[in-house]
Amino acid sequence: MLDIVKGMDYLHRSPLRSHGHLSSSNCVVDSRFVLKVTDHGLSLLRRPPGQDEEGWSKEHWTSLLWRAPELLRDSMPSSGTQKGDVYSFGIIVQEVVYRRGPFHIPNNNLEARDIVEGVKAGVCVGGGGSPLRPHTDKAECPEGVEALLGACWSERPSDRPDFSSLRVTVKRLCPSGVGENILDDLLSRMEQYATNLEEVVSERTAQLLEEKRRAEGLLTQMLPRSVAVQLIAGKTVRAETYDSVTIYFSDIEGFTAMSASLTPMQVVNVLNDLYTYFDNIIDHHDVYKVETIGDAYMVVSGLPIRNGDDHAKEIARMSLAVVRGMRQYNSPHVPQQQLKVRIGLHSGPCVAGVVGLKMPRFCLFGDTVNTASRMESHGSPLKIHVSSSTKALLDTFRMFRCELRGDIHMKGKGLVRTFWLLGEDQ
């Protein structure tokens, strides 16, 4: 509609002054989807239809549906009138808005000649008081368009607006963001779509980065940080041999018998609270928590980052802190029982590496692991059972007090001399 108004406004300002035969059939669209008004000028070449209306064809009567009533009553100038063009524009708007032919009147089978005669006579169908005009429905008509149609179809030509004012009105009625033509509108919509797409991509990227950060954080909790960084970078983590590490094993004395009297949920709560307590302790030491299986708790120092011989000192201090804490620890889930931890330590070489892809685990292999586990199983409640190799490393620091336990028979080892770690001299 805006293109029609612009074209007609230009035509009315030109020497032609008016169109005279404006209809939807001479409004064409070019390759850039710009509507252009044609069939103007050359009025002297038009042949009049003749005075005998009975000889007029149906096509001629149909072409008169766009003609203003005053031009139907009197002889129309060859080039028409400006106000007559405004009336014709109103008929075109009705076609566009309702997507029907000119002069659509519901439930009425009037021929084109009957409609033209009615408009010419200035009476409504059925003898009503208002002039015959196309049907309008507010429910189907955009806001403001019905008033525009009424102004263009005014019976008095002087009451009709000119195309300069219609240009302002139509621009106001167009939705915000609509361009000068369909192509501009399409380009504008594509630009807006691209902008919205960029925002969606940016939002999804931020969500992806947040999920990646969470996944990486979870991976660093499951694996040593140095190992997790290599996996995140896409590198292969090869198993590595460590000449000397200290391994800690602990379990809860009588836990199997105690758990038999508890519900599965109570068992989970007991272990969760206990291991959370342990986790807070090991955070203060240079150690790495390898795994927990049931009530068994496994910690190592000296890998994956080597720390000389300090691994024995770090594990010893951590073990002493655990025993001190357990003497005061009371589980709210089993308040009638004191949980007693049994600890075993052993130092020696081992191999460590990541096993598995779906749920990768950082595992330790070697005889040192087996010996540390047996040191724990041969220990006593609230005591730290230490092997000879660990005791030898602790002696180099001259700050730990150990007591000889004696020789014990250990499966696969025979008689083994072991010690109790009693404390640390400040």
Protein backbone atom coordinates (compact mmCIF):
# COMPACT_ATOMS: atom_id res chain seq x y z
CA MET A 1 0.00 0.00 0.00
CA LEU A 2 2.83 2.36 0.80
CA ASP A 3 4.30 1.91 -2.68
CA ILE A 4 0.93 2.75 -4.28
CA VAL A 5 0.59 5.89 -2.17
CA LYS A 6 4.13 7.01 -2.99
CA GLY A 7 3.61 6.39 -6.70
CA MET A 8 0.28 8.21 -6.79
CA ASP A 9 1.62 11.10 -4.72
CA TYR A 10 4.43 11.50 -7.26
CA LEU A 11 1.95 11.22 -10.16
CA HIS A 12 -0.32 13.90 -8.68
CA ARG A 13 2.64 16.25 -8.37
CA SER A 14 3.73 15.59 -11.95
CA PRO A 15 2.33 17.30 -15.08
CA LEU A 16 -0.05 14.33 -15.53
CA ARG A 17 -1.87 15.46 -12.34
CA SER A 18 -3.95 12.26 -12.06
CA HIS A 19 -4.25 8.64 -13.19
CA GLY A 20 -7.94 8.25 -13.94
CA HIS A 21 -8.00 4.46 -14.27
CA LEU A 22 -6.31 3.26 -11.07
CA SER A 23 -7.13 -0.35 -10.19
CA SER A 24 -5.41 -3.43 -8.84
CA SER A 25 -4.79 -4.66 -12.41
CA ASN A 26 -2.39 -1.80 -13.16
CA CYS A 27 -0.39 -2.18 -9.95
CA VAL A 28 2.58 -4.41 -10.81
CA VAL A 29 5.59 -5.69 -8.84
CA ASP A 30 9.13 -5.59 -10.26
CA SER A 31 12.05 -7.97 -9.64
CA ARG A 32 12.93 -6.19 -6.40
CA PHE A 33 9.38 -6.61 -5.07
CA VAL A 34 8.69 -2.89 -5.49
CA LEU A 35 5.10 -2.11 -6.47
CA LYS A 36 4.76 0.29 -9.40
CA VAL A 37 1.69 2.02 -10.84
CA THR A 38 1.27 1.61 -14.62
CA ASP A 39 -1.28 2.44 -17.34
CA HIS A 40 -1.17 6.18 -16.64
CA GLY A 41 -1.02 8.94 -19.27
CA LEU A 42 -1.93 8.57 -22.96
CA SER A 43 -5.52 9.41 -22.06
CA LEU A 44 -6.23 10.70 -25.59
CA LEU A 45 -5.58 7.22 -26.95
CA ARG A 46 -8.33 5.66 -24.86
CA ARG A 47 -11.50 4.94 -26.79
CA PRO A 48 -14.76 5.74 -24.98
CA PRO A 49 -17.10 2.76 -24.54
CA GLY A 50 -20.07 4.41 -26.22
CA GLN A 51 -23.31 5.88 -24.91
CA ASP A 52 -25.44 2.73 -25.10
CA GLU A 53 -24.94 1.04 -21.72
CA GLU A 54 -26.79 -2.03 -22.91
CA GLY A 55 -23.92 -2.76 -25.23
CA TRP A 56 -21.25 -2.54 -22.54
CA SER A 57 -19.44 -5.80 -21.80
CA LYS A 58 -19.19 -7.44 -18.41
CA GLU A 59 -15.46 -6.61 -18.34
CA HIS A 60 -16.24 -2.92 -18.80
CA TRP A 61 -18.79 -2.93 -15.99
CA THR A 62 -16.20 -4.68 -13.78
CA SER A 63 -13.59 -2.00 -14.58
CA LEU A 64 -16.02 0.63 -13.29
CA LEU A 65 -16.02 -0.88 -9.77
CA TRP A 66 -12.92 1.25 -8.97
CA ARG A 67 -14.50 4.47 -10.29
CA ALA A 68 -15.71 7.19 -7.93
CA PRO A 69 -19.49 7.85 -7.80
CA GLU A 70 -19.23 11.45 -9.08
CA LEU A 71 -17.33 10.21 -12.15
CA LEU A 72 -20.06 7.63 -12.80
CA ARG A 73 -22.81 10.25 -12.72
CA ASP A 74 -21.11 12.81 -14.97
CA SER A 75 -18.82 12.47 -17.92
CA MET A 76 -15.33 11.72 -16.59
CA PRO A 77 -12.40 13.79 -17.87
CA SER A 78 -10.07 11.71 -20.02
CA SER A 79 -7.34 11.84 -17.36
CA GLY A 80 -9.70 11.42 -14.42
CA THR A 81 -9.47 13.42 -11.18
CA GLN A 82 -7.20 13.32 -8.14
CA LYS A 83 -10.10 12.71 -5.75
CA GLY A 84 -11.33 9.95 -8.04
CA ASP A 85 -7.89 8.31 -7.75
CA VAL A 86 -8.20 8.42 -3.95
CA TYR A 87 -11.53 6.58 -4.16
CA SER A 88 -9.93 3.96 -6.44
CA PHE A 89 -7.09 3.56 -3.95
CA GLY A 90 -9.66 2.80 -1.23
CA ILE A 91 -11.09 -0.04 -3.35
CA ILE A 92 -7.57 -1.48 -3.80
CA VAL A 93 -6.96 -1.29 -0.03
CA GLN A 94 -10.18 -3.25 0.50
CA GLU A 95 -8.90 -5.94 -1.88
CA VAL A 96 -5.55 -6.15 -0.09
CA VAL A 97 -6.94 -6.19 3.46
CA TYR A 98 -9.72 -8.72 2.90
CA ARG A 99 -7.99 -10.68 0.11
CA ARG A 100 -11.15 -10.59 -1.99
CA GLY A 101 -12.18 -8.95 -5.23
CA PRO A 102 -13.42 -5.34 -5.49
CA PHE A 103 -16.70 -4.51 -3.78
CA HIS A 104 -16.99 -7.66 -1.72
CA ILE A 105 -20.44 -7.79 -0.09
CA PRO A 106 -21.18 -10.98 1.94
CA ASN A 107 -24.25 -13.05 1.08
CA ASN A 108 -24.98 -10.92 -1.97
CA ASN A 109 -24.89 -12.02 -5.60
CA LEU A 110 -25.06 -8.59 -7.24
CA GLU A 111 -23.58 -8.33 -10.69
CA ALA A 112 -20.93 -5.70 -11.43
CA ARG A 113 -23.54 -3.61 -13.30
CA ASP A 114 -25.90 -3.64 -10.30
CA ILE A 115 -23.10 -2.48 -8.00
CA VAL A 116 -22.04 0.31 -10.37
CA GLU A 117 -25.65 1.49 -10.71
CA GLY A 118 -26.02 1.45 -6.91
CA VAL A 119 -22.84 3.49 -6.38
CA LYS A 120 -23.93 5.89 -9.11
CA ALA A 121 -27.34 6.32 -7.47
CA GLY A 122 -25.73 6.84 -4.05
CA VAL A 123 -27.94 4.34 -2.24
CA CYS A 124 -27.21 1.21 -0.24
CA VAL A 125 -28.40 -2.25 -1.14
CA GLY A 126 -31.87 -2.75 0.25
CA GLY A 127 -32.66 0.97 0.33
CA GLY A 128 -30.55 1.90 3.36
CA GLY A 129 -29.52 5.45 4.15
CA SER A 130 -25.78 5.22 3.44
CA PRO A 131 -24.19 4.99 -0.02
CA LEU A 132 -23.30 1.59 -1.41
CA ARG A 133 -19.74 0.67 -0.48
CA PRO A 134 -17.71 -2.56 -0.01
CA HIS A 135 -18.26 -4.51 3.21
CA THR A 136 -15.83 -3.90 6.10
CA ASP A 137 -15.42 -5.96 9.26
CA LYS A 138 -13.49 -4.68 12.29
CA ALA A 139 -12.57 -8.24 13.26
CA GLU A 140 -10.73 -8.74 9.96
CA CYS A 141 -9.59 -5.16 9.46
CA PRO A 142 -6.35 -3.87 11.06
CA GLU A 143 -6.75 -0.99 13.47
CA GLY A 144 -7.03 2.35 11.67
CA VAL A 145 -7.63 0.87 8.21
CA GLU A 146 -11.43 1.04 8.48
CA ALA A 147 -11.27 4.80 9.11
CA LEU A 148 -8.88 5.15 6.16
CA LEU A 149 -11.33 3.32 3.89
CA GLY A 150 -14.23 5.46 5.06
CA ALA A 151 -12.30 8.64 4.28
CA CYS A 152 -11.27 7.44 0.80
CA TRP A 153 -14.87 6.38 -0.01
CA SER A 154 -16.48 9.61 1.12
CA GLU A 155 -19.44 10.58 -1.08
CA ARG A 156 -18.20 14.17 -1.24
CA PRO A 157 -14.88 14.38 -3.12
CA SER A 158 -13.75 17.33 -1.03
CA ASP A 159 -13.92 15.18 2.11
CA ARG A 160 -11.42 12.67 0.73
CA PRO A 161 -7.75 13.04 1.74
CA ASP A 162 -5.00 13.65 -0.79
CA PHE A 163 -2.10 11.24 -1.29
CA SER A 164 0.31 13.45 0.65
CA SER A 165 -1.74 12.97 3.83
CA LEU A 166 -2.41 9.32 2.94
CA ARG A 167 1.34 8.76 2.77
CA VAL A 168 1.67 9.83 6.40
CA THR A 169 -1.37 7.78 7.45
CA VAL A 170 -0.27 4.58 5.72
CA LYS A 171 3.25 4.86 7.15
CA ARG A 172 1.73 5.13 10.61
CA LEU A 173 -0.44 2.06 9.99
CA CYS A 174 2.47 -0.06 8.77
CA PRO A 175 4.05 -2.27 11.47
CA SER A 176 7.25 -0.92 12.96
CA GLY A 177 10.31 -2.23 11.19
CA VAL A 178 8.62 -2.61 7.77
CA GLY A 179 10.89 -1.24 5.06
CA GLU A 180 10.15 0.85 2.01
CA ASN A 181 9.30 -2.28 0.04
CA ILE A 182 9.03 -6.03 0.45
CA LEU A 183 12.70 -6.63 -0.35
CA ASP A 184 13.80 -4.08 2.24
CA ASP A 185 11.43 -5.69 4.69
CA LEU A 186 12.85 -9.15 3.94
CA LEU A 187 16.41 -7.87 4.33
CA SER A 188 15.44 -6.18 7.59
CA ARG A 189 13.83 -9.38 8.85
CA MET A 190 16.89 -11.41 7.83
CA GLU A 191 19.15 -8.95 9.64
CA GLN A 192 16.94 -9.13 12.72
CA TYR A 193 16.93 -12.93 12.47
CA ALA A 194 20.73 -12.95 12.19
CA THR A 195 20.98 -10.70 15.24
CA ASN A 196 18.62 -12.93 17.21
CA LEU A 197 20.55 -15.99 16.02
CA GLU A 198 23.81 -14.44 17.23
CA GLU A 199 22.22 -13.80 20.62
CA VAL A 200 20.95 -17.39 20.80
CA VAL A 201 24.36 -18.74 19.75
CA SER A 202 26.07 -16.51 22.31
CA GLU A 203 23.68 -17.69 25.02
CA ARG A 204 24.10 -21.35 24.07
CA THR A 205 27.88 -20.91 23.91
CA ALA A 206 27.87 -19.43 27.41
CA GLN A 207 25.79 -22.39 28.63
CA LEU A 208 28.16 -24.80 26.88
CA LEU A 209 31.19 -23.14 28.48
CA GLU A 210 29.50 -23.29 31.88
CA GLU A 211 28.75 -27.00 31.44
CA LYS A 212 32.31 -27.56 30.25
CA ARG A 213 33.61 -25.76 33.33
CA ARG A 214 31.45 -27.95 35.56
CA ALA A 215 32.58 -31.11 33.76
CA GLU A 216 36.22 -30.09 34.08
CA GLY A 217 35.68 -29.29 37.76
CA LEU A 218 34.12 -32.71 38.29
CA LEU A 219 37.02 -34.35 36.46
CA THR A 220 39.56 -32.61 38.69
CA GLN A 221 37.71 -34.01 41.70
CA MET A 222 37.75 -37.54 40.30
CA LEU A 223 41.39 -37.43 39.18
CA PRO A 224 44.57 -35.63 40.26
CA ARG A 225 44.57 -32.12 38.84
CA SER A 226 47.72 -32.64 36.76
CA VAL A 227 46.18 -35.78 35.22
CA ALA A 228 42.82 -34.09 34.62
CA VAL A 229 44.52 -31.18 32.82
CA GLN A 230 46.20 -33.62 30.43
CA LEU A 231 42.90 -35.39 29.70
CA ILE A 232 41.09 -32.08 29.12
CA ALA A 233 43.84 -31.09 26.68
CA GLY A 234 43.21 -34.32 24.79
CA LYS A 235 46.53 -35.86 25.71
CA THR A 236 47.07 -39.52 26.52
CA VAL A 237 47.95 -40.11 30.17
CA ARG A 238 50.51 -42.87 30.35
CA ALA A 239 51.04 -45.01 33.43
CA GLU A 240 54.06 -43.87 35.44
CA THR A 241 56.40 -45.59 37.89
CA TYR A 242 57.13 -43.90 41.22
CA ASP A 243 60.19 -44.99 43.19
CA SER A 244 58.85 -44.08 46.59
CA VAL A 245 55.38 -43.18 47.86
CA THR A 246 53.50 -43.70 51.11
CA ILE A 247 50.06 -45.29 51.02
CA TYR A 248 47.40 -45.00 53.72
CA PHE A 249 44.57 -47.50 54.24
CA SER A 250 41.89 -47.29 56.90
CA ASP A 251 38.58 -48.88 57.75
CA ILE A 252 36.06 -48.82 60.59
CA GLU A 253 36.41 -51.49 63.26
CA GLY A 254 33.28 -53.68 63.40
CA PHE A 255 31.54 -51.76 60.65
CA THR A 256 30.11 -54.88 58.98
CA ALA A 257 28.38 -55.97 62.20
CA MET A 258 27.20 -52.43 62.92
CA SER A 259 25.77 -51.91 59.42
CA ALA A 260 23.71 -55.09 59.80
CA SER A 261 21.60 -53.27 62.40
CA LEU A 262 21.16 -50.18 60.20
CA THR A 263 19.04 -49.47 57.17
CA PRO A 264 20.86 -48.96 53.84
CA MET A 265 20.05 -45.23 54.00
CA GLN A 266 21.54 -44.97 57.50
CA VAL A 267 24.70 -46.73 56.30
CA VAL A 268 25.04 -44.22 53.47
CA ASN A 269 24.54 -41.29 55.86
CA VAL A 270 27.09 -42.65 58.35
CA LEU A 271 29.76 -43.10 55.68
CA ASN A 272 28.98 -39.78 54.00
CA ASP A 273 29.37 -37.82 57.24
CA LEU A 274 32.51 -39.74 58.20
CA TYR A 275 34.26 -39.35 54.86
CA THR A 276 33.30 -35.70 54.64
CA TYR A 277 35.05 -35.33 58.00
CA PHE A 278 38.11 -37.16 56.62
CA ASP A 279 38.10 -35.06 53.44
CA ASN A 280 38.29 -31.87 55.49
CA ILE A 281 41.36 -33.25 57.27
CA ILE A 282 43.29 -34.34 54.16
CA ASP A 283 42.76 -30.92 52.56
CA HIS A 284 45.47 -29.62 54.92
CA HIS A 285 48.10 -32.09 53.74
CA ASP A 286 50.01 -32.87 50.54
CA VAL A 287 48.10 -36.07 49.85
CA TYR A 288 45.69 -37.43 47.24
CA LYS A 289 42.55 -39.40 48.05
CA VAL A 290 42.57 -42.40 45.72
CA GLU A 291 39.22 -44.02 46.48
CA THR A 292 36.71 -45.23 49.04
CA ILE A 293 35.20 -48.71 48.88
CA GLY A 294 32.59 -49.32 51.55
CA ASP A 295 34.22 -48.29 54.81
CA ALA A 296 37.75 -48.51 53.32
CA TYR A 297 39.55 -45.21 52.74
CA MET A 298 42.72 -45.03 50.60
CA VAL A 299 45.11 -42.06 50.44
CA VAL A 300 48.58 -41.65 48.89
CA SER A 301 51.33 -39.05 49.00
CA GLY A 302 54.25 -38.67 46.60
CA LEU A 303 52.24 -38.90 43.39
CA PRO A 304 51.30 -37.77 40.83
CA ILE A 305 53.58 -34.89 41.88
CA ARG A 306 56.72 -36.17 43.55
CA ASN A 307 57.70 -34.57 46.87
CA GLY A 308 60.96 -36.30 47.74
CA ASP A 309 60.70 -38.18 51.06
CA ASP A 310 58.07 -35.80 52.43
CA HIS A 311 55.32 -38.24 51.45
CA ALA A 312 55.95 -40.25 54.63
CA LYS A 313 55.77 -37.12 56.79
CA GLU A 314 52.55 -35.90 55.10
CA ILE A 315 50.76 -39.24 55.48
CA ALA A 316 51.95 -39.59 59.10
CA ARG A 317 50.67 -36.14 60.06
CA MET A 318 47.38 -36.79 58.30
CA SER A 319 46.99 -40.14 60.09
CA LEU A 320 47.64 -38.58 63.49
CA ALA A 321 45.04 -35.89 62.73
CA VAL A 322 42.50 -38.58 61.79
CA VAL A 323 43.06 -40.50 65.03
CA ARG A 324 42.81 -37.33 67.14
CA GLY A 325 39.60 -36.41 65.35
CA MET A 326 38.06 -39.85 65.70
CA ARG A 327 38.56 -39.83 69.48
CA GLN A 328 36.14 -36.88 69.59
CA TYR A 329 33.91 -37.75 66.63
CA ASN A 330 30.34 -38.85 67.27
CA SER A 331 28.08 -39.78 64.38
CA PRO A 332 24.53 -38.39 64.76
CA HIS A 333 23.23 -41.50 63.00
CA VAL A 334 24.74 -43.95 65.53
CA PRO A 335 25.14 -41.81 68.68
CA GLN A 336 25.28 -44.90 70.92
CA GLN A 337 28.44 -46.19 69.23
CA GLN A 338 31.91 -44.71 68.85
CA LEU A 339 33.39 -45.24 65.41
CA LYS A 340 36.94 -46.54 65.71
CA VAL A 341 39.26 -46.22 62.75
CA ARG A 342 42.05 -48.71 62.03
CA ILE A 343 44.98 -47.33 59.98
CA GLY A 344 47.87 -48.97 58.12
CA LEU A 345 50.82 -47.23 56.38
CA HIS A 346 53.49 -48.54 54.05
CA SER A 347 56.09 -46.88 51.82
CA GLY A 348 57.59 -48.20 48.60
CA PRO A 349 57.46 -48.08 44.79
CA CYS A 350 54.28 -48.31 42.74
CA VAL A 351 52.81 -47.68 39.30
CA ALA A 352 49.94 -45.21 38.83
CA GLY A 353 47.77 -44.50 35.81
CA VAL A 354 44.28 -43.78 34.50
CA VAL A 355 42.13 -46.83 33.80
CA GLY A 356 38.93 -46.73 31.73
CA LEU A 357 37.28 -44.23 29.40
CA LYS A 358 33.62 -43.90 30.40
CA MET A 359 34.39 -43.57 34.10
CA PRO A 360 38.17 -43.05 34.26
CA ARG A 361 39.83 -43.93 37.55
CA PHE A 362 43.29 -43.11 38.81
CA CYS A 363 44.58 -46.45 40.11
CA LEU A 364 47.70 -47.60 41.94
CA PHE A 365 49.36 -50.94 41.25
CA GLY A 366 52.16 -52.85 42.90
CA ASP A 367 53.14 -54.77 46.00
CA THR A 368 53.25 -51.54 48.01
CA VAL A 369 49.46 -51.26 47.68
CA ASN A 370 48.91 -54.84 48.88
CA THR A 371 51.30 -54.40 51.80
CA ALA A 372 49.64 -51.16 52.92
CA SER A 373 46.24 -52.89 52.82
CA ARG A 374 47.55 -55.76 54.98
CA MET A 375 49.10 -53.28 57.41
CA GLU A 376 45.61 -51.89 57.94
CA SER A 377 43.92 -55.29 58.28
CA HIS A 378 46.51 -56.39 60.89
CA GLY A 379 46.16 -53.14 62.84
CA SER A 380 44.16 -52.17 65.92
CA PRO A 381 41.36 -49.61 66.52
CA LEU A 382 42.48 -45.99 66.91
CA LYS A 383 46.09 -46.99 66.19
CA ILE A 384 48.41 -46.30 63.26
CA HIS A 385 50.18 -49.44 62.06
CA VAL A 386 53.47 -48.58 60.31
CA SER A 387 55.78 -50.78 58.23
CA SER A 388 59.57 -50.82 58.59
CA SER A 389 60.07 -48.86 55.35
CA THR A 390 57.74 -46.08 56.48
CA LYS A 391 59.31 -46.01 59.95
CA ALA A 392 62.77 -45.66 58.38
CA LEU A 393 61.61 -42.61 56.40
CA LEU A 394 59.96 -41.06 59.47
CA ASP A 395 63.18 -41.48 61.48
CA THR A 396 64.97 -39.17 59.04
CA PHE A 397 62.74 -36.28 60.15
CA ARG A 398 63.57 -36.82 63.88
CA MET A 399 60.11 -35.66 64.94
CA PHE A 400 57.90 -38.75 65.04
CA ARG A 401 57.60 -41.16 67.95
CA CYS A 402 57.21 -44.82 67.08
CA GLU A 403 56.91 -47.93 69.19
CA LEU A 404 57.94 -51.43 68.17
CA ARG A 405 54.99 -53.74 67.82
CA GLY A 406 57.07 -56.79 66.98
CA ASP A 407 57.12 -59.39 64.29
CA ILE A 408 53.77 -60.44 62.85
CA HIS A 409 52.96 -63.07 60.27
CA MET A 410 51.64 -61.42 57.10
CA LYS A 411 50.17 -63.39 54.19
CA GLY A 412 52.66 -63.66 51.36
CA LYS A 413 55.35 -61.92 53.42
CA GLY A 414 56.06 -64.24 56.30
CA LEU A 415 57.25 -62.57 59.51
CA VAL A 416 57.31 -58.80 59.17
CA ARG A 417 58.51 -56.31 61.76
CA THR A 418 56.02 -53.45 62.27
CA PHE A 419 55.59 -50.40 64.51
CA TRP A 420 52.94 -48.17 66.05
CA LEU A 421 53.06 -44.46 65.22
CA LEU A 422 52.39 -42.69 68.53
CA GLY A 423 52.73 -39.03 67.77
CA GLU A 424 54.83 -36.10 66.60
CA ASP A 425 57.17 -33.97 68.68
CA GLN A 426 56.51 -30.28 68.26
